[in-house]
Amino acid sequence: MPLPRLLDRVFAAGCRWASVREKDLAPCDRLDLVRELHPIARHHGAVLTVHGDLTAAVLCDGVHLGAGGDVAAARARLGPLALVGLSRHHPEEGLGGADYATLSPIFETASKPGYGPALGLQALSRLPGALALGGITPANAAQARVAGAAGLAVMGTVMRAADPGAVVRDLLAAWGA
């Protein structure tokens, strides 16, 4: 399913934040994609960020930086209202001045190869404000919330679904349970 259509469906189902993680696109193509997706997010009252591309981030709500990202440089470029996040793979790394961090992988997942074994739910309590990422499904979403996650970051579970909107509704229902 084309990404604009998929995002329209997941936003309509209640998702309120998406991050463009198209790292293999040429910068100009990523910029065009952000230009296409941002109005869809706005239509649904949702937030759109982009991974690692400060130029494209100027056109949306913020940026998600890799583990070695420079939060201060991102804030200087994007301004104080921009959302700035970091990827974390160990809870001890902390937020590093970012607004949020994803912590991954919480569960085993093919989407996060090379990051070592799953951290497990207990890691979430050691990084307050973290979004649980890696192997998140409707079956374990509530466990992540109880363990201390501030939210869920989901890729494959939604992207591979025949009905991505239904998966989002199930994730939200599980989170609220």
N, C-alpha and C. Protein backbone atom coordinates (compact mmCIF):
# COMPACT_ATOMS: atom_id res chain seq x y z
N MET A 1 0.85 -1.17 0.00
CA MET A 1 0.00 0.00 0.00
C MET A 1 0.90 1.24 0.00
N PRO A 2 0.60 2.20 -0.84
CA PRO A 2 1.41 3.43 -0.86
C PRO A 2 1.38 4.13 0.50
N LEU A 3 2.51 4.69 0.88
CA LEU A 3 2.65 5.30 2.20
C LEU A 3 1.61 6.38 2.49
N PRO A 4 1.30 7.28 1.56
CA PRO A 4 0.27 8.29 1.86
C PRO A 4 -1.08 7.66 2.23
N ARG A 5 -1.46 6.63 1.52
CA ARG A 5 -2.74 5.95 1.82
C ARG A 5 -2.68 5.24 3.16
N LEU A 6 -1.54 4.58 3.43
CA LEU A 6 -1.38 3.89 4.70
C LEU A 6 -1.47 4.88 5.86
N LEU A 7 -0.76 6.02 5.76
CA LEU A 7 -0.81 7.00 6.84
C LEU A 7 -2.21 7.58 7.02
N ASP A 8 -2.91 7.82 5.94
CA ASP A 8 -4.28 8.31 6.05
C ASP A 8 -5.12 7.31 6.85
N ARG A 9 -4.94 6.04 6.58
CA ARG A 9 -5.70 4.99 7.30
C ARG A 9 -5.32 4.91 8.78
N VAL A 10 -4.03 4.95 9.08
CA VAL A 10 -3.64 4.82 10.49
C VAL A 10 -4.00 6.07 11.28
N PHE A 11 -3.89 7.24 10.66
CA PHE A 11 -4.33 8.46 11.35
C PHE A 11 -5.84 8.43 11.58
N ALA A 12 -6.59 7.98 10.59
CA ALA A 12 -8.04 7.89 10.74
C ALA A 12 -8.42 6.91 11.85
N ALA A 13 -7.56 5.92 12.09
CA ALA A 13 -7.82 4.91 13.13
C ALA A 13 -7.40 5.38 14.52
N GLY A 14 -6.76 6.55 14.62
CA GLY A 14 -6.40 7.08 15.93
C GLY A 14 -4.93 7.30 16.18
N CYS A 15 -4.06 6.88 15.28
CA CYS A 15 -2.63 7.16 15.43
C CYS A 15 -2.45 8.67 15.38
N ARG A 16 -1.62 9.21 16.24
CA ARG A 16 -1.44 10.65 16.29
C ARG A 16 -0.03 11.11 15.99
N TRP A 17 0.84 10.17 15.57
CA TRP A 17 2.22 10.54 15.30
C TRP A 17 2.83 9.52 14.35
N ALA A 18 3.48 10.02 13.32
CA ALA A 18 4.24 9.15 12.42
C ALA A 18 5.59 9.80 12.16
N SER A 19 6.58 8.96 11.95
CA SER A 19 7.91 9.45 11.63
C SER A 19 8.36 8.83 10.32
N VAL A 20 8.77 9.66 9.38
CA VAL A 20 9.22 9.20 8.08
C VAL A 20 10.63 8.64 8.24
N ARG A 21 10.76 7.35 7.97
CA ARG A 21 12.03 6.66 8.17
C ARG A 21 12.53 6.08 6.85
N GLU A 22 12.46 6.85 5.81
CA GLU A 22 12.86 6.43 4.48
C GLU A 22 14.32 6.83 4.23
N LYS A 23 15.23 6.16 4.93
CA LYS A 23 16.65 6.53 4.89
C LYS A 23 17.30 6.24 3.54
N ASP A 24 16.71 5.34 2.76
CA ASP A 24 17.30 4.98 1.48
C ASP A 24 16.92 5.94 0.36
N LEU A 25 15.98 6.84 0.61
CA LEU A 25 15.59 7.81 -0.40
C LEU A 25 16.66 8.90 -0.53
N ALA A 26 16.80 9.40 -1.74
CA ALA A 26 17.65 10.56 -1.95
C ALA A 26 17.05 11.73 -1.17
N PRO A 27 17.86 12.64 -0.65
CA PRO A 27 17.33 13.75 0.14
C PRO A 27 16.20 14.52 -0.55
N CYS A 28 16.30 14.76 -1.85
CA CYS A 28 15.23 15.49 -2.54
C CYS A 28 13.94 14.69 -2.59
N ASP A 29 14.05 13.36 -2.73
CA ASP A 29 12.86 12.51 -2.74
C ASP A 29 12.22 12.43 -1.34
N ARG A 30 13.07 12.39 -0.31
CA ARG A 30 12.55 12.39 1.07
C ARG A 30 11.83 13.70 1.36
N LEU A 31 12.38 14.79 0.88
CA LEU A 31 11.75 16.10 1.04
C LEU A 31 10.39 16.13 0.35
N ASP A 32 10.31 15.58 -0.86
CA ASP A 32 9.03 15.51 -1.57
C ASP A 32 8.03 14.64 -0.81
N LEU A 33 8.51 13.54 -0.23
CA LEU A 33 7.62 12.66 0.53
C LEU A 33 7.07 13.38 1.75
N VAL A 34 7.92 14.09 2.47
CA VAL A 34 7.46 14.85 3.64
C VAL A 34 6.43 15.90 3.22
N ARG A 35 6.68 16.56 2.09
CA ARG A 35 5.71 17.55 1.58
C ARG A 35 4.36 16.90 1.29
N GLU A 36 4.37 15.65 0.85
CA GLU A 36 3.13 14.94 0.55
C GLU A 36 2.43 14.45 1.81
N LEU A 37 3.21 14.01 2.80
CA LEU A 37 2.63 13.41 4.00
C LEU A 37 2.19 14.42 5.05
N HIS A 38 2.87 15.54 5.13
CA HIS A 38 2.55 16.52 6.18
C HIS A 38 1.10 17.00 6.13
N PRO A 39 0.54 17.32 4.97
CA PRO A 39 -0.88 17.72 4.94
C PRO A 39 -1.83 16.62 5.40
N ILE A 40 -1.46 15.36 5.16
CA ILE A 40 -2.29 14.25 5.63
C ILE A 40 -2.28 14.21 7.15
N ALA A 41 -1.11 14.37 7.74
CA ALA A 41 -1.01 14.41 9.20
C ALA A 41 -1.82 15.58 9.75
N ARG A 42 -1.66 16.75 9.16
CA ARG A 42 -2.39 17.94 9.62
C ARG A 42 -3.90 17.74 9.56
N HIS A 43 -4.36 17.13 8.46
CA HIS A 43 -5.79 16.87 8.29
C HIS A 43 -6.37 16.08 9.46
N HIS A 44 -5.56 15.18 10.00
CA HIS A 44 -6.00 14.31 11.10
C HIS A 44 -5.57 14.85 12.47
N GLY A 45 -4.96 16.00 12.53
CA GLY A 45 -4.49 16.54 13.80
C GLY A 45 -3.32 15.76 14.36
N ALA A 46 -2.53 15.15 13.48
CA ALA A 46 -1.42 14.30 13.91
C ALA A 46 -0.09 15.01 13.70
N VAL A 47 0.94 14.47 14.32
CA VAL A 47 2.31 14.98 14.25
C VAL A 47 3.08 14.15 13.23
N LEU A 48 3.93 14.83 12.47
CA LEU A 48 4.81 14.15 11.53
C LEU A 48 6.25 14.59 11.80
N THR A 49 7.12 13.62 12.02
CA THR A 49 8.55 13.89 12.17
C THR A 49 9.28 13.10 11.08
N VAL A 50 10.57 13.34 10.97
CA VAL A 50 11.37 12.64 9.98
C VAL A 50 12.66 12.18 10.67
N HIS A 51 13.18 11.06 10.23
CA HIS A 51 14.40 10.51 10.81
C HIS A 51 15.64 11.14 10.20
N GLY A 52 16.41 11.83 11.04
CA GLY A 52 17.75 12.26 10.71
C GLY A 52 17.94 13.34 9.67
N ASP A 53 16.91 13.84 9.05
CA ASP A 53 17.04 14.80 7.96
C ASP A 53 16.56 16.17 8.43
N LEU A 54 17.50 17.02 8.84
CA LEU A 54 17.12 18.34 9.37
C LEU A 54 16.51 19.25 8.32
N THR A 55 16.86 19.06 7.07
CA THR A 55 16.25 19.86 6.01
C THR A 55 14.78 19.51 5.87
N ALA A 56 14.46 18.23 5.81
CA ALA A 56 13.05 17.80 5.72
C ALA A 56 12.31 18.11 7.01
N ALA A 57 13.00 18.04 8.13
CA ALA A 57 12.35 18.29 9.43
C ALA A 57 11.82 19.71 9.53
N VAL A 58 12.43 20.65 8.83
CA VAL A 58 11.95 22.03 8.83
C VAL A 58 10.52 22.10 8.30
N LEU A 59 10.14 21.13 7.45
CA LEU A 59 8.81 21.12 6.84
C LEU A 59 7.77 20.36 7.64
N CYS A 60 8.18 19.77 8.75
CA CYS A 60 7.21 19.04 9.57
C CYS A 60 7.37 19.42 11.03
N ASP A 61 7.08 18.52 11.94
CA ASP A 61 7.02 18.87 13.36
C ASP A 61 8.29 18.58 14.14
N GLY A 62 9.27 17.97 13.51
CA GLY A 62 10.50 17.69 14.23
C GLY A 62 11.32 16.59 13.58
N VAL A 63 12.28 16.10 14.34
CA VAL A 63 13.25 15.14 13.83
C VAL A 63 13.51 14.06 14.87
N HIS A 64 13.74 12.86 14.37
CA HIS A 64 14.18 11.75 15.22
C HIS A 64 15.62 11.46 14.83
N LEU A 65 16.52 11.60 15.79
CA LEU A 65 17.95 11.42 15.55
C LEU A 65 18.41 10.03 15.95
N GLY A 66 19.43 9.56 15.29
CA GLY A 66 20.06 8.30 15.66
C GLY A 66 20.74 8.42 17.01
N ALA A 67 21.25 7.32 17.50
CA ALA A 67 21.83 7.26 18.84
C ALA A 67 22.92 8.29 19.07
N GLY A 68 23.67 8.66 18.05
CA GLY A 68 24.74 9.64 18.22
C GLY A 68 24.33 11.05 17.80
N GLY A 69 23.03 11.28 17.64
CA GLY A 69 22.55 12.56 17.14
C GLY A 69 22.83 13.73 18.05
N ASP A 70 22.95 14.90 17.46
CA ASP A 70 23.26 16.13 18.18
C ASP A 70 21.96 16.90 18.43
N VAL A 71 21.40 16.74 19.62
CA VAL A 71 20.14 17.37 19.98
C VAL A 71 20.26 18.89 19.93
N ALA A 72 21.35 19.44 20.44
CA ALA A 72 21.54 20.89 20.46
C ALA A 72 21.56 21.47 19.05
N ALA A 73 22.23 20.80 18.13
CA ALA A 73 22.28 21.27 16.75
C ALA A 73 20.90 21.20 16.10
N ALA A 74 20.16 20.14 16.40
CA ALA A 74 18.81 20.02 15.85
C ALA A 74 17.91 21.14 16.37
N ARG A 75 17.99 21.42 17.67
CA ARG A 75 17.18 22.51 18.25
C ARG A 75 17.57 23.86 17.66
N ALA A 76 18.86 24.08 17.45
CA ALA A 76 19.32 25.33 16.88
C ALA A 76 18.78 25.51 15.46
N ARG A 77 18.72 24.44 14.72
CA ARG A 77 18.24 24.51 13.32
C ARG A 77 16.72 24.58 13.24
N LEU A 78 16.03 23.82 14.10
CA LEU A 78 14.57 23.68 13.98
C LEU A 78 13.78 24.61 14.88
N GLY A 79 14.41 25.14 15.91
CA GLY A 79 13.71 26.04 16.82
C GLY A 79 13.21 25.31 18.06
N PRO A 80 12.81 26.08 19.07
CA PRO A 80 12.46 25.50 20.37
C PRO A 80 11.15 24.72 20.38
N LEU A 81 10.29 24.91 19.41
CA LEU A 81 9.00 24.21 19.39
C LEU A 81 9.06 22.87 18.68
N ALA A 82 10.14 22.60 17.97
CA ALA A 82 10.27 21.35 17.23
C ALA A 82 10.43 20.18 18.20
N LEU A 83 9.88 19.06 17.82
CA LEU A 83 10.01 17.83 18.59
C LEU A 83 11.33 17.17 18.18
N VAL A 84 12.18 16.87 19.16
CA VAL A 84 13.48 16.25 18.89
C VAL A 84 13.57 14.97 19.72
N GLY A 85 13.80 13.87 19.02
CA GLY A 85 13.91 12.58 19.69
C GLY A 85 15.20 11.87 19.34
N LEU A 86 15.51 10.86 20.13
CA LEU A 86 16.73 10.06 19.95
C LEU A 86 16.41 8.58 20.00
N SER A 87 17.17 7.80 19.26
CA SER A 87 17.11 6.34 19.37
C SER A 87 18.03 5.90 20.50
N ARG A 88 17.54 5.03 21.33
CA ARG A 88 18.35 4.47 22.42
C ARG A 88 18.25 2.95 22.38
N HIS A 89 19.38 2.30 22.69
CA HIS A 89 19.42 0.85 22.71
C HIS A 89 19.87 0.31 24.06
N HIS A 90 20.08 1.22 25.00
CA HIS A 90 20.38 0.89 26.39
C HIS A 90 19.72 1.97 27.24
N PRO A 91 18.98 1.61 28.26
CA PRO A 91 18.28 2.63 29.06
C PRO A 91 19.22 3.61 29.75
N GLU A 92 20.45 3.20 30.01
CA GLU A 92 21.40 4.08 30.70
C GLU A 92 21.81 5.27 29.84
N GLU A 93 21.55 5.22 28.55
CA GLU A 93 21.91 6.33 27.67
C GLU A 93 21.09 7.59 27.96
N GLY A 94 19.93 7.42 28.56
CA GLY A 94 19.09 8.55 28.94
C GLY A 94 18.51 9.31 27.76
N LEU A 95 17.87 10.42 28.06
CA LEU A 95 17.22 11.23 27.03
C LEU A 95 18.18 12.18 26.33
N GLY A 96 19.30 12.49 26.92
CA GLY A 96 20.29 13.33 26.26
C GLY A 96 19.79 14.69 25.82
N GLY A 97 18.84 15.25 26.57
CA GLY A 97 18.30 16.55 26.23
C GLY A 97 17.18 16.52 25.22
N ALA A 98 16.84 15.35 24.72
CA ALA A 98 15.76 15.21 23.74
C ALA A 98 14.40 15.25 24.43
N ASP A 99 13.36 15.47 23.65
CA ASP A 99 12.00 15.47 24.16
C ASP A 99 11.53 14.06 24.49
N TYR A 100 12.05 13.09 23.77
CA TYR A 100 11.68 11.69 23.97
C TYR A 100 12.80 10.82 23.42
N ALA A 101 12.72 9.54 23.72
CA ALA A 101 13.62 8.56 23.13
C ALA A 101 12.83 7.30 22.83
N THR A 102 13.20 6.64 21.75
CA THR A 102 12.70 5.29 21.55
C THR A 102 13.71 4.36 22.21
N LEU A 103 13.23 3.32 22.83
CA LEU A 103 14.11 2.32 23.44
C LEU A 103 13.84 1.01 22.75
N SER A 104 14.90 0.44 22.16
CA SER A 104 14.69 -0.78 21.40
C SER A 104 15.95 -1.64 21.34
N PRO A 105 15.73 -2.92 21.03
CA PRO A 105 14.45 -3.60 20.87
C PRO A 105 13.94 -4.11 22.23
N ILE A 106 12.69 -3.87 22.49
CA ILE A 106 12.09 -4.37 23.73
C ILE A 106 11.85 -5.87 23.62
N PHE A 107 11.30 -6.30 22.48
CA PHE A 107 11.07 -7.72 22.19
C PHE A 107 11.86 -8.10 20.95
N GLU A 108 12.07 -9.40 20.75
CA GLU A 108 12.75 -9.87 19.54
C GLU A 108 11.96 -9.39 18.32
N THR A 109 12.69 -8.93 17.31
CA THR A 109 12.06 -8.47 16.08
C THR A 109 13.05 -8.51 14.93
N ALA A 110 12.54 -8.85 13.76
CA ALA A 110 13.37 -8.84 12.55
C ALA A 110 13.66 -7.41 12.09
N SER A 111 12.89 -6.43 12.59
CA SER A 111 13.07 -5.04 12.17
C SER A 111 14.29 -4.38 12.81
N LYS A 112 14.86 -4.97 13.84
CA LYS A 112 16.00 -4.36 14.55
C LYS A 112 17.18 -5.32 14.62
N PRO A 113 17.67 -5.77 13.46
CA PRO A 113 18.82 -6.68 13.50
C PRO A 113 20.08 -5.93 13.92
N GLY A 114 20.98 -6.63 14.57
CA GLY A 114 22.26 -6.03 14.90
C GLY A 114 22.31 -5.24 16.19
N TYR A 115 21.22 -5.18 16.93
CA TYR A 115 21.22 -4.40 18.18
C TYR A 115 21.33 -5.30 19.41
N GLY A 116 21.66 -6.56 19.20
CA GLY A 116 21.81 -7.45 20.32
C GLY A 116 20.49 -8.04 20.75
N PRO A 117 20.50 -8.74 21.87
CA PRO A 117 19.27 -9.38 22.33
C PRO A 117 18.24 -8.34 22.77
N ALA A 118 17.00 -8.79 22.79
CA ALA A 118 15.92 -7.91 23.24
C ALA A 118 16.21 -7.43 24.66
N LEU A 119 15.88 -6.16 24.92
CA LEU A 119 16.12 -5.57 26.24
C LEU A 119 15.14 -6.07 27.28
N GLY A 120 13.95 -6.40 26.86
CA GLY A 120 12.91 -6.84 27.79
C GLY A 120 12.16 -5.67 28.39
N LEU A 121 11.02 -5.98 28.94
CA LEU A 121 10.15 -4.95 29.51
C LEU A 121 10.78 -4.18 30.65
N GLN A 122 11.61 -4.82 31.45
CA GLN A 122 12.19 -4.16 32.62
C GLN A 122 13.04 -2.96 32.24
N ALA A 123 13.57 -2.92 31.02
CA ALA A 123 14.39 -1.78 30.57
C ALA A 123 13.57 -0.50 30.50
N LEU A 124 12.27 -0.61 30.27
CA LEU A 124 11.43 0.57 30.15
C LEU A 124 11.34 1.37 31.45
N SER A 125 11.40 0.69 32.57
CA SER A 125 11.33 1.40 33.85
C SER A 125 12.61 2.17 34.14
N ARG A 126 13.69 1.87 33.41
CA ARG A 126 14.98 2.53 33.64
C ARG A 126 15.22 3.72 32.71
N LEU A 127 14.26 4.00 31.82
CA LEU A 127 14.36 5.18 30.96
C LEU A 127 12.99 5.86 30.88
N PRO A 128 12.66 6.64 31.90
CA PRO A 128 11.37 7.32 31.91
C PRO A 128 11.19 8.19 30.67
N GLY A 129 10.00 8.15 30.11
CA GLY A 129 9.71 8.92 28.91
C GLY A 129 9.99 8.19 27.62
N ALA A 130 10.48 6.95 27.70
CA ALA A 130 10.82 6.19 26.49
C ALA A 130 9.58 5.64 25.81
N LEU A 131 9.66 5.60 24.50
CA LEU A 131 8.65 4.92 23.69
C LEU A 131 9.17 3.52 23.43
N ALA A 132 8.37 2.51 23.72
CA ALA A 132 8.76 1.12 23.51
C ALA A 132 8.76 0.82 22.02
N LEU A 133 9.86 0.27 21.52
CA LEU A 133 10.02 -0.05 20.10
C LEU A 133 10.65 -1.42 19.98
N GLY A 134 10.19 -2.17 19.01
CA GLY A 134 10.78 -3.47 18.72
C GLY A 134 9.89 -4.61 19.16
N GLY A 135 9.20 -5.21 18.19
CA GLY A 135 8.34 -6.35 18.48
C GLY A 135 7.04 -6.00 19.18
N ILE A 136 6.63 -4.76 19.12
CA ILE A 136 5.40 -4.33 19.79
C ILE A 136 4.20 -4.78 18.98
N THR A 137 3.25 -5.42 19.67
CA THR A 137 2.01 -5.90 19.05
C THR A 137 0.84 -5.60 19.98
N PRO A 138 -0.37 -5.75 19.49
CA PRO A 138 -1.51 -5.59 20.39
C PRO A 138 -1.46 -6.55 21.59
N ALA A 139 -0.82 -7.69 21.42
CA ALA A 139 -0.74 -8.68 22.50
C ALA A 139 0.18 -8.25 23.64
N ASN A 140 1.15 -7.37 23.37
CA ASN A 140 2.09 -6.98 24.43
C ASN A 140 2.10 -5.47 24.73
N ALA A 141 1.25 -4.72 24.06
CA ALA A 141 1.24 -3.25 24.24
C ALA A 141 0.93 -2.85 25.68
N ALA A 142 -0.04 -3.49 26.29
CA ALA A 142 -0.39 -3.16 27.68
C ALA A 142 0.75 -3.48 28.62
N GLN A 143 1.48 -4.54 28.35
CA GLN A 143 2.65 -4.89 29.18
C GLN A 143 3.69 -3.78 29.12
N ALA A 144 3.88 -3.19 27.95
CA ALA A 144 4.85 -2.10 27.80
C ALA A 144 4.41 -0.89 28.62
N ARG A 145 3.12 -0.59 28.60
CA ARG A 145 2.59 0.54 29.38
C ARG A 145 2.81 0.29 30.87
N VAL A 146 2.45 -0.89 31.34
CA VAL A 146 2.60 -1.23 32.76
C VAL A 146 4.07 -1.19 33.18
N ALA A 147 4.97 -1.55 32.27
CA ALA A 147 6.41 -1.56 32.57
C ALA A 147 7.02 -0.17 32.60
N GLY A 148 6.26 0.85 32.15
CA GLY A 148 6.77 2.21 32.24
C GLY A 148 6.93 2.96 30.93
N ALA A 149 6.56 2.36 29.81
CA ALA A 149 6.68 3.06 28.53
C ALA A 149 5.75 4.27 28.52
N ALA A 150 6.24 5.36 27.94
CA ALA A 150 5.43 6.56 27.77
C ALA A 150 4.53 6.44 26.54
N GLY A 151 4.86 5.53 25.66
CA GLY A 151 4.09 5.31 24.44
C GLY A 151 4.70 4.17 23.66
N LEU A 152 4.12 3.93 22.50
CA LEU A 152 4.57 2.84 21.64
C LEU A 152 5.09 3.41 20.32
N ALA A 153 6.16 2.83 19.83
CA ALA A 153 6.66 3.14 18.49
C ALA A 153 6.61 1.82 17.72
N VAL A 154 5.86 1.80 16.66
CA VAL A 154 5.60 0.55 15.95
C VAL A 154 5.89 0.74 14.47
N MET A 155 6.61 -0.21 13.91
CA MET A 155 6.89 -0.17 12.47
C MET A 155 6.26 -1.38 11.78
N GLY A 156 6.93 -2.49 11.86
CA GLY A 156 6.55 -3.68 11.10
C GLY A 156 5.15 -4.17 11.36
N THR A 157 4.70 -4.15 12.60
CA THR A 157 3.37 -4.65 12.93
C THR A 157 2.30 -3.91 12.15
N VAL A 158 2.49 -2.62 11.94
CA VAL A 158 1.53 -1.82 11.18
C VAL A 158 1.83 -1.89 9.69
N MET A 159 3.08 -1.74 9.32
CA MET A 159 3.44 -1.66 7.90
C MET A 159 3.15 -2.95 7.14
N ARG A 160 3.24 -4.10 7.79
CA ARG A 160 3.00 -5.38 7.12
C ARG A 160 1.55 -5.83 7.20
N ALA A 161 0.71 -5.11 7.91
CA ALA A 161 -0.67 -5.55 8.13
C ALA A 161 -1.52 -5.39 6.88
N ALA A 162 -2.43 -6.33 6.69
CA ALA A 162 -3.41 -6.22 5.61
C ALA A 162 -4.34 -5.03 5.87
N ASP A 163 -4.65 -4.80 7.14
CA ASP A 163 -5.49 -3.67 7.53
C ASP A 163 -4.77 -2.87 8.61
N PRO A 164 -3.91 -1.94 8.21
CA PRO A 164 -3.13 -1.19 9.19
C PRO A 164 -3.99 -0.40 10.17
N GLY A 165 -5.13 0.09 9.74
CA GLY A 165 -6.03 0.82 10.64
C GLY A 165 -6.53 -0.07 11.76
N ALA A 166 -6.86 -1.31 11.44
CA ALA A 166 -7.34 -2.25 12.47
C ALA A 166 -6.24 -2.53 13.49
N VAL A 167 -5.00 -2.65 13.02
CA VAL A 167 -3.88 -2.89 13.95
C VAL A 167 -3.71 -1.69 14.88
N VAL A 168 -3.81 -0.48 14.35
CA VAL A 168 -3.71 0.71 15.20
C VAL A 168 -4.83 0.74 16.23
N ARG A 169 -6.04 0.45 15.81
CA ARG A 169 -7.16 0.41 16.76
C ARG A 169 -6.92 -0.65 17.85
N ASP A 170 -6.38 -1.81 17.46
CA ASP A 170 -6.08 -2.85 18.44
C ASP A 170 -4.95 -2.42 19.39
N LEU A 171 -3.93 -1.77 18.86
CA LEU A 171 -2.84 -1.27 19.71
C LEU A 171 -3.36 -0.25 20.71
N LEU A 172 -4.18 0.68 20.24
CA LEU A 172 -4.73 1.70 21.13
C LEU A 172 -5.65 1.10 22.19
N ALA A 173 -6.42 0.12 21.80
CA ALA A 173 -7.31 -0.55 22.77
C ALA A 173 -6.49 -1.28 23.81
N ALA A 174 -5.43 -1.95 23.38
CA ALA A 174 -4.57 -2.68 24.32
C ALA A 174 -3.84 -1.71 25.23
N TRP A 175 -3.38 -0.58 24.69
CA TRP A 175 -2.68 0.43 25.50
C TRP A 175 -3.59 0.96 26.58
N GLY A 176 -4.85 1.18 26.25
CA GLY A 176 -5.79 1.75 27.21
C GLY A 176 -6.39 0.75 28.18
N ALA A 177 -6.17 -0.52 27.91
CA ALA A 177 -6.79 -1.57 28.76
C ALA A 177 -6.18 -1.61 30.14
